C-alpha atoms as a PDB file:
ATOM      1  CA  UNK A   1      59.287 -37.051  20.528  1.00  0.00           C
ATOM      2  CA  UNK A   2      62.609 -35.337  19.880  1.00  0.00           C
ATOM      3  CA  UNK A   3      65.059 -36.736  17.325  1.00  0.00           C
ATOM      4  CA  UNK A   4      67.913 -38.633  19.054  1.00  0.00           C
ATOM      5  CA  UNK A   5      70.715 -36.405  17.727  1.00  0.00           C
ATOM      6  CA  UNK A   6      68.850 -33.236  18.757  1.00  0.00           C
ATOM      7  CA  UNK A   7      68.214 -34.703  22.198  1.00  0.00           C
ATOM      8  CA  UNK A   8      71.874 -35.683  22.604  1.00  0.00           C
ATOM      9  CA  UNK A   9      72.942 -32.212  21.456  1.00  0.00           C
ATOM     10  CA  UNK A  10      70.631 -30.666  24.046  1.00  0.00           C
ATOM     11  CA  UNK A  11      71.936 -33.003  26.776  1.00  0.00           C
ATOM     12  CA  UNK A  12      75.550 -32.169  25.904  1.00  0.00           C
ATOM     13  CA  UNK A  13      74.819 -28.422  25.722  1.00  0.00           C
ATOM     14  CA  UNK A  14      73.148 -28.435  29.133  1.00  0.00           C
ATOM     15  CA  UNK A  15      75.884 -30.626  30.601  1.00  0.00           C
ATOM     16  CA  UNK A  16      78.574 -28.242  29.339  1.00  0.00           C
ATOM     17  CA  UNK A  17      76.704 -25.218  30.724  1.00  0.00           C
ATOM     18  CA  UNK A  18      76.191 -26.845  34.134  1.00  0.00           C
ATOM     19  CA  UNK A  19      79.855 -27.871  34.297  1.00  0.00           C
ATOM     20  CA  UNK A  20      80.997 -24.372  33.333  1.00  0.00           C
ATOM     21  CA  UNK A  21      78.737 -22.896  36.028  1.00  0.00           C
ATOM     22  CA  UNK A  22      80.140 -25.335  38.621  1.00  0.00           C
ATOM     23  CA  UNK A  23      83.677 -24.490  37.495  1.00  0.00           C
ATOM     24  CA  UNK A  24      83.086 -20.760  37.896  1.00  0.00           C
ATOM     25  CA  UNK A  25      81.588 -21.206  41.369  1.00  0.00           C
ATOM     26  CA  UNK A  26      84.331 -23.585  42.482  1.00  0.00           C
ATOM     27  CA  UNK A  27      87.005 -21.201  41.195  1.00  0.00           C
ATOM     28  CA  UNK A  28      85.521 -18.335  43.212  1.00  0.00           C
ATOM     29  CA  UNK A  29      85.355 -20.440  46.377  1.00  0.00           C
ATOM     30  CA  UNK A  30      88.880 -21.740  45.817  1.00  0.00           C
ATOM     31  CA  UNK A  31      90.266 -18.211  45.420  1.00  0.00           C
ATOM     32  CA  UNK A  32      88.565 -17.153  48.633  1.00  0.00           C
ATOM     33  CA  UNK A  33      89.902 -20.195  50.507  1.00  0.00           C
ATOM     34  CA  UNK A  34      93.420 -19.528  49.226  1.00  0.00           C
ATOM     35  CA  UNK A  35      93.202 -15.902  50.335  1.00  0.00           C
ATOM     36  CA  UNK A  36      91.958 -17.027  53.747  1.00  0.00           C
ATOM     37  CA  UNK A  37      94.811 -19.542  54.042  1.00  0.00           C
ATOM     38  CA  UNK A  38      97.480 -16.889  53.584  1.00  0.00           C
ATOM     39  CA  UNK A  39      95.729 -14.127  55.521  1.00  0.00           C
ATOM     40  CA  UNK A  40      97.562 -12.943  58.636  1.00  0.00           C
ATOM     41  CA  UNK A  41      94.621 -13.951  60.858  1.00  0.00           C
ATOM     42  CA  UNK A  42      95.090 -17.565  59.775  1.00  0.00           C
ATOM     43  CA  UNK A  43      98.589 -17.600  61.259  1.00  0.00           C
ATOM     44  CA  UNK A  44      99.143 -20.132  64.010  1.00  0.00           C
ATOM     45  CA  UNK A  45      98.993 -18.737  67.533  1.00  0.00           C
ATOM     46  CA  UNK A  46     100.509 -21.794  69.152  1.00  0.00           C
ATOM     47  CA  UNK A  47     101.536 -25.395  68.639  1.00  0.00           C
ATOM     48  CA  UNK A  48      97.980 -26.664  68.916  1.00  0.00           C
ATOM     49  CA  UNK A  49      96.434 -24.041  66.633  1.00  0.00           C
ATOM     50  CA  UNK A  50      95.809 -25.763  63.300  1.00  0.00           C
ATOM     51  CA  UNK A  51      93.694 -23.105  61.552  1.00  0.00           C
ATOM     52  CA  UNK A  52      96.369 -22.311  58.958  1.00  0.00           C
ATOM     53  CA  UNK A  53      96.937 -25.971  58.119  1.00  0.00           C
ATOM     54  CA  UNK A  54      93.198 -26.593  57.836  1.00  0.00           C
ATOM     55  CA  UNK A  55      92.789 -23.579  55.535  1.00  0.00           C
ATOM     56  CA  UNK A  56      95.656 -24.826  53.366  1.00  0.00           C
ATOM     57  CA  UNK A  57      94.110 -28.300  53.105  1.00  0.00           C
ATOM     58  CA  UNK A  58      90.762 -26.772  52.174  1.00  0.00           C
ATOM     59  CA  UNK A  59      92.354 -24.527  49.547  1.00  0.00           C
ATOM     60  CA  UNK A  60      94.275 -27.487  48.081  1.00  0.00           C
ATOM     61  CA  UNK A  61      91.160 -29.667  47.955  1.00  0.00           C
ATOM     62  CA  UNK A  62      89.237 -26.911  46.205  1.00  0.00           C
ATOM     63  CA  UNK A  63      92.100 -26.414  43.748  1.00  0.00           C
ATOM     64  CA  UNK A  64      91.927 -30.119  42.879  1.00  0.00           C
ATOM     65  CA  UNK A  65      88.143 -29.807  42.372  1.00  0.00           C
ATOM     66  CA  UNK A  66      88.641 -26.814  40.058  1.00  0.00           C
ATOM     67  CA  UNK A  67      91.262 -28.771  38.117  1.00  0.00           C
ATOM     68  CA  UNK A  68      88.946 -31.795  37.768  1.00  0.00           C
ATOM     69  CA  UNK A  69      86.047 -29.615  36.611  1.00  0.00           C
ATOM     70  CA  UNK A  70      88.312 -27.915  34.053  1.00  0.00           C
ATOM     71  CA  UNK A  71      89.473 -31.265  32.705  1.00  0.00           C
ATOM     72  CA  UNK A  72      85.890 -32.519  32.596  1.00  0.00           C
ATOM     73  CA  UNK A  73      84.729 -29.448  30.708  1.00  0.00           C
ATOM     74  CA  UNK A  74      87.586 -29.844  28.220  1.00  0.00           C
ATOM     75  CA  UNK A  75      86.605 -33.495  27.674  1.00  0.00           C
ATOM     76  CA  UNK A  76      82.959 -32.529  27.161  1.00  0.00           C
ATOM     77  CA  UNK A  77      83.948 -29.786  24.710  1.00  0.00           C
ATOM     78  CA  UNK A  78      86.087 -32.246  22.731  1.00  0.00           C
ATOM     79  CA  UNK A  79      83.434 -34.981  22.648  1.00  0.00           C
ATOM     80  CA  UNK A  80      81.756 -35.728  19.340  1.00  0.00           C
ATOM     81  CA  UNK A  81      78.195 -36.981  19.174  1.00  0.00           C
ATOM     82  CA  UNK A  82      78.229 -40.308  17.387  1.00  0.00           C
ATOM     83  CA  UNK A  83      75.327 -41.988  15.673  1.00  0.00           C
ATOM     84  CA  UNK A  84      74.365 -45.472  16.812  1.00  0.00           C
ATOM     85  CA  UNK A  85      72.599 -47.466  14.090  1.00  0.00           C
ATOM     86  CA  UNK A  86      70.846 -50.719  15.006  1.00  0.00           C
ATOM     87  CA  UNK A  87      73.374 -53.285  16.209  1.00  0.00           C
ATOM     88  CA  UNK A  88      75.824 -50.675  17.502  1.00  0.00           C
ATOM     89  CA  UNK A  89      77.762 -51.124  20.694  1.00  0.00           C
ATOM     90  CA  UNK A  90      77.613 -48.566  23.491  1.00  0.00           C
ATOM     91  CA  UNK A  91      80.362 -45.938  23.437  1.00  0.00           C
ATOM     92  CA  UNK A  92      80.763 -42.297  24.492  1.00  0.00           C
ATOM     93  CA  UNK A  93      77.813 -40.103  23.488  1.00  0.00           C
ATOM     94  CA  UNK A  94      75.349 -43.002  23.494  1.00  0.00           C
ATOM     95  CA  UNK A  95      71.881 -42.334  24.829  1.00  0.00           C
ATOM     96  CA  UNK A  96      70.906 -45.641  26.425  1.00  0.00           C
ATOM     97  CA  UNK A  97      67.545 -46.938  27.590  1.00  0.00           C
ATOM     98  CA  UNK A  98      67.576 -49.673  30.225  1.00  0.00           C
ATOM     99  CA  UNK A  99      64.449 -51.633  31.118  1.00  0.00           C
ATOM    100  CA  UNK A 100      63.950 -53.700  34.260  1.00  0.00           C
ATOM    101  CA  UNK A 101      62.003 -56.950  34.293  1.00  0.00           C
ATOM    102  CA  UNK A 102      59.162 -54.948  35.946  1.00  0.00           C
ATOM    103  CA  UNK A 103      59.042 -52.674  32.883  1.00  0.00           C
ATOM    104  CA  UNK A 104      60.673 -49.643  34.510  1.00  0.00           C
ATOM    105  CA  UNK A 105      62.737 -47.607  32.052  1.00  0.00           C
ATOM    106  CA  UNK A 106      65.723 -45.411  32.781  1.00  0.00           C
ATOM    107  CA  UNK A 107      67.735 -43.338  30.308  1.00  0.00           C
ATOM    108  CA  UNK A 108      71.454 -42.698  30.487  1.00  0.00           C
ATOM    109  CA  UNK A 109      73.894 -40.583  28.524  1.00  0.00           C
ATOM    110  CA  UNK A 110      77.485 -41.873  28.428  1.00  0.00           C
ATOM    111  CA  UNK A 111      79.829 -38.897  28.849  1.00  0.00           C
ATOM    112  CA  UNK A 112      83.521 -38.532  29.695  1.00  0.00           C
ATOM    113  CA  UNK A 113      82.750 -36.426  32.798  1.00  0.00           C
ATOM    114  CA  UNK A 114      80.038 -35.229  35.181  1.00  0.00           C
ATOM    115  CA  UNK A 115      78.719 -38.673  36.079  1.00  0.00           C
ATOM    116  CA  UNK A 116      75.929 -38.673  38.626  1.00  0.00           C
ATOM    117  CA  UNK A 117      74.268 -35.552  37.258  1.00  0.00           C
ATOM    118  CA  UNK A 118      70.633 -35.766  36.166  1.00  0.00           C
ATOM    119  CA  UNK A 119      69.004 -33.584  33.532  1.00  0.00           C
ATOM    120  CA  UNK A 120      65.263 -33.157  33.028  1.00  0.00           C
ATOM    121  CA  UNK A 121      64.460 -32.686  29.361  1.00  0.00           C
ATOM    122  CA  UNK A 122      60.906 -32.641  28.010  1.00  0.00           C
ATOM    123  CA  UNK A 123      59.663 -34.465  31.109  1.00  0.00           C
ATOM    124  CA  UNK A 124      62.306 -37.175  30.706  1.00  0.00           C
ATOM    125  CA  UNK A 125      65.083 -37.711  33.256  1.00  0.00           C
ATOM    126  CA  UNK A 126      68.436 -38.452  31.687  1.00  0.00           C
ATOM    127  CA  UNK A 127      71.193 -39.601  34.016  1.00  0.00           C
ATOM    128  CA  UNK A 128      74.812 -38.943  33.136  1.00  0.00           C
ATOM    129  CA  UNK A 129      77.158 -41.887  33.530  1.00  0.00           C
ATOM    130  CA  UNK A 130      80.879 -42.114  32.788  1.00  0.00           C
ATOM    131  CA  UNK A 131      82.886 -45.116  31.578  1.00  0.00           C
ATOM    132  CA  UNK A 132      84.778 -45.064  34.900  1.00  0.00           C
ATOM    133  CA  UNK A 133      81.659 -45.676  36.993  1.00  0.00           C
ATOM    134  CA  UNK A 134      80.526 -49.241  37.723  1.00  0.00           C
ATOM    135  CA  UNK A 135      77.413 -48.866  35.548  1.00  0.00           C
ATOM    136  CA  UNK A 136      79.300 -47.092  32.755  1.00  0.00           C
ATOM    137  CA  UNK A 137      81.958 -49.790  32.794  1.00  0.00           C
ATOM    138  CA  UNK A 138      79.239 -52.438  32.550  1.00  0.00           C
ATOM    139  CA  UNK A 139      77.551 -50.621  29.650  1.00  0.00           C
ATOM    140  CA  UNK A 140      80.530 -49.871  27.404  1.00  0.00           C
ATOM    141  CA  UNK A 141      80.624 -52.335  24.519  1.00  0.00           C
ATOM    142  CA  UNK A 142      77.144 -53.748  25.178  1.00  0.00           C
ATOM    143  CA  UNK A 143      74.452 -53.939  22.513  1.00  0.00           C
ATOM    144  CA  UNK A 144      70.672 -53.817  22.587  1.00  0.00           C
ATOM    145  CA  UNK A 145      69.370 -57.010  24.175  1.00  0.00           C
ATOM    146  CA  UNK A 146      72.333 -57.388  26.545  1.00  0.00           C
ATOM    147  CA  UNK A 147      71.757 -57.440  30.291  1.00  0.00           C
ATOM    148  CA  UNK A 148      73.600 -55.450  32.963  1.00  0.00           C
ATOM    149  CA  UNK A 149      73.382 -55.546  36.738  1.00  0.00           C
ATOM    150  CA  UNK A 150      72.471 -52.260  38.410  1.00  0.00           C
ATOM    151  CA  UNK A 151      71.672 -52.132  42.084  1.00  0.00           C
ATOM    152  CA  UNK A 152      71.401 -55.913  42.272  1.00  0.00           C
ATOM    153  CA  UNK A 153      68.697 -55.883  39.590  1.00  0.00           C
ATOM    154  CA  UNK A 154      69.165 -57.106  36.056  1.00  0.00           C
ATOM    155  CA  UNK A 155      68.365 -54.470  33.443  1.00  0.00           C
ATOM    156  CA  UNK A 156      68.147 -55.005  29.713  1.00  0.00           C
ATOM    157  CA  UNK A 157      69.690 -52.589  27.243  1.00  0.00           C
ATOM    158  CA  UNK A 158      66.590 -51.944  25.141  1.00  0.00           C
ATOM    159  CA  UNK A 159      67.678 -48.991  23.052  1.00  0.00           C
ATOM    160  CA  UNK A 160      70.908 -47.250  22.024  1.00  0.00           C
ATOM    161  CA  UNK A 161      70.763 -43.911  20.222  1.00  0.00           C
END
């Protein structure tokens, strides 16, 4: 089994790389949408022709996505990996194991961005959760032995690394 700090470093490295890749792709698509929005063929041909407006909305939405990805990447790059000795409370960079009353285990990494992403590492699935998400909000400040509700099921925080 991999040391907790090495595992967290690997999770953060992969998360940064995936976010950078998404940012590059989104930037390319956004540039293309912006070019399409100002292209002469997008010009309105009548009062009911909304192509130009739709292209502008799409370009603006993509620009907001690019901005959010950039901010998320900056937050990930600035994040330090903390150590969590026994008795610690959950905070950013914690690797958390939750266990259901049926014995099912799930692992989460608390990050400032990219919530909802899943990473497969050494056959283990690690889900990214942010403090702004319902689960992340419920986890922040908890300690091992505390319970949280997830999907209507009570889960116990069994391990914090």
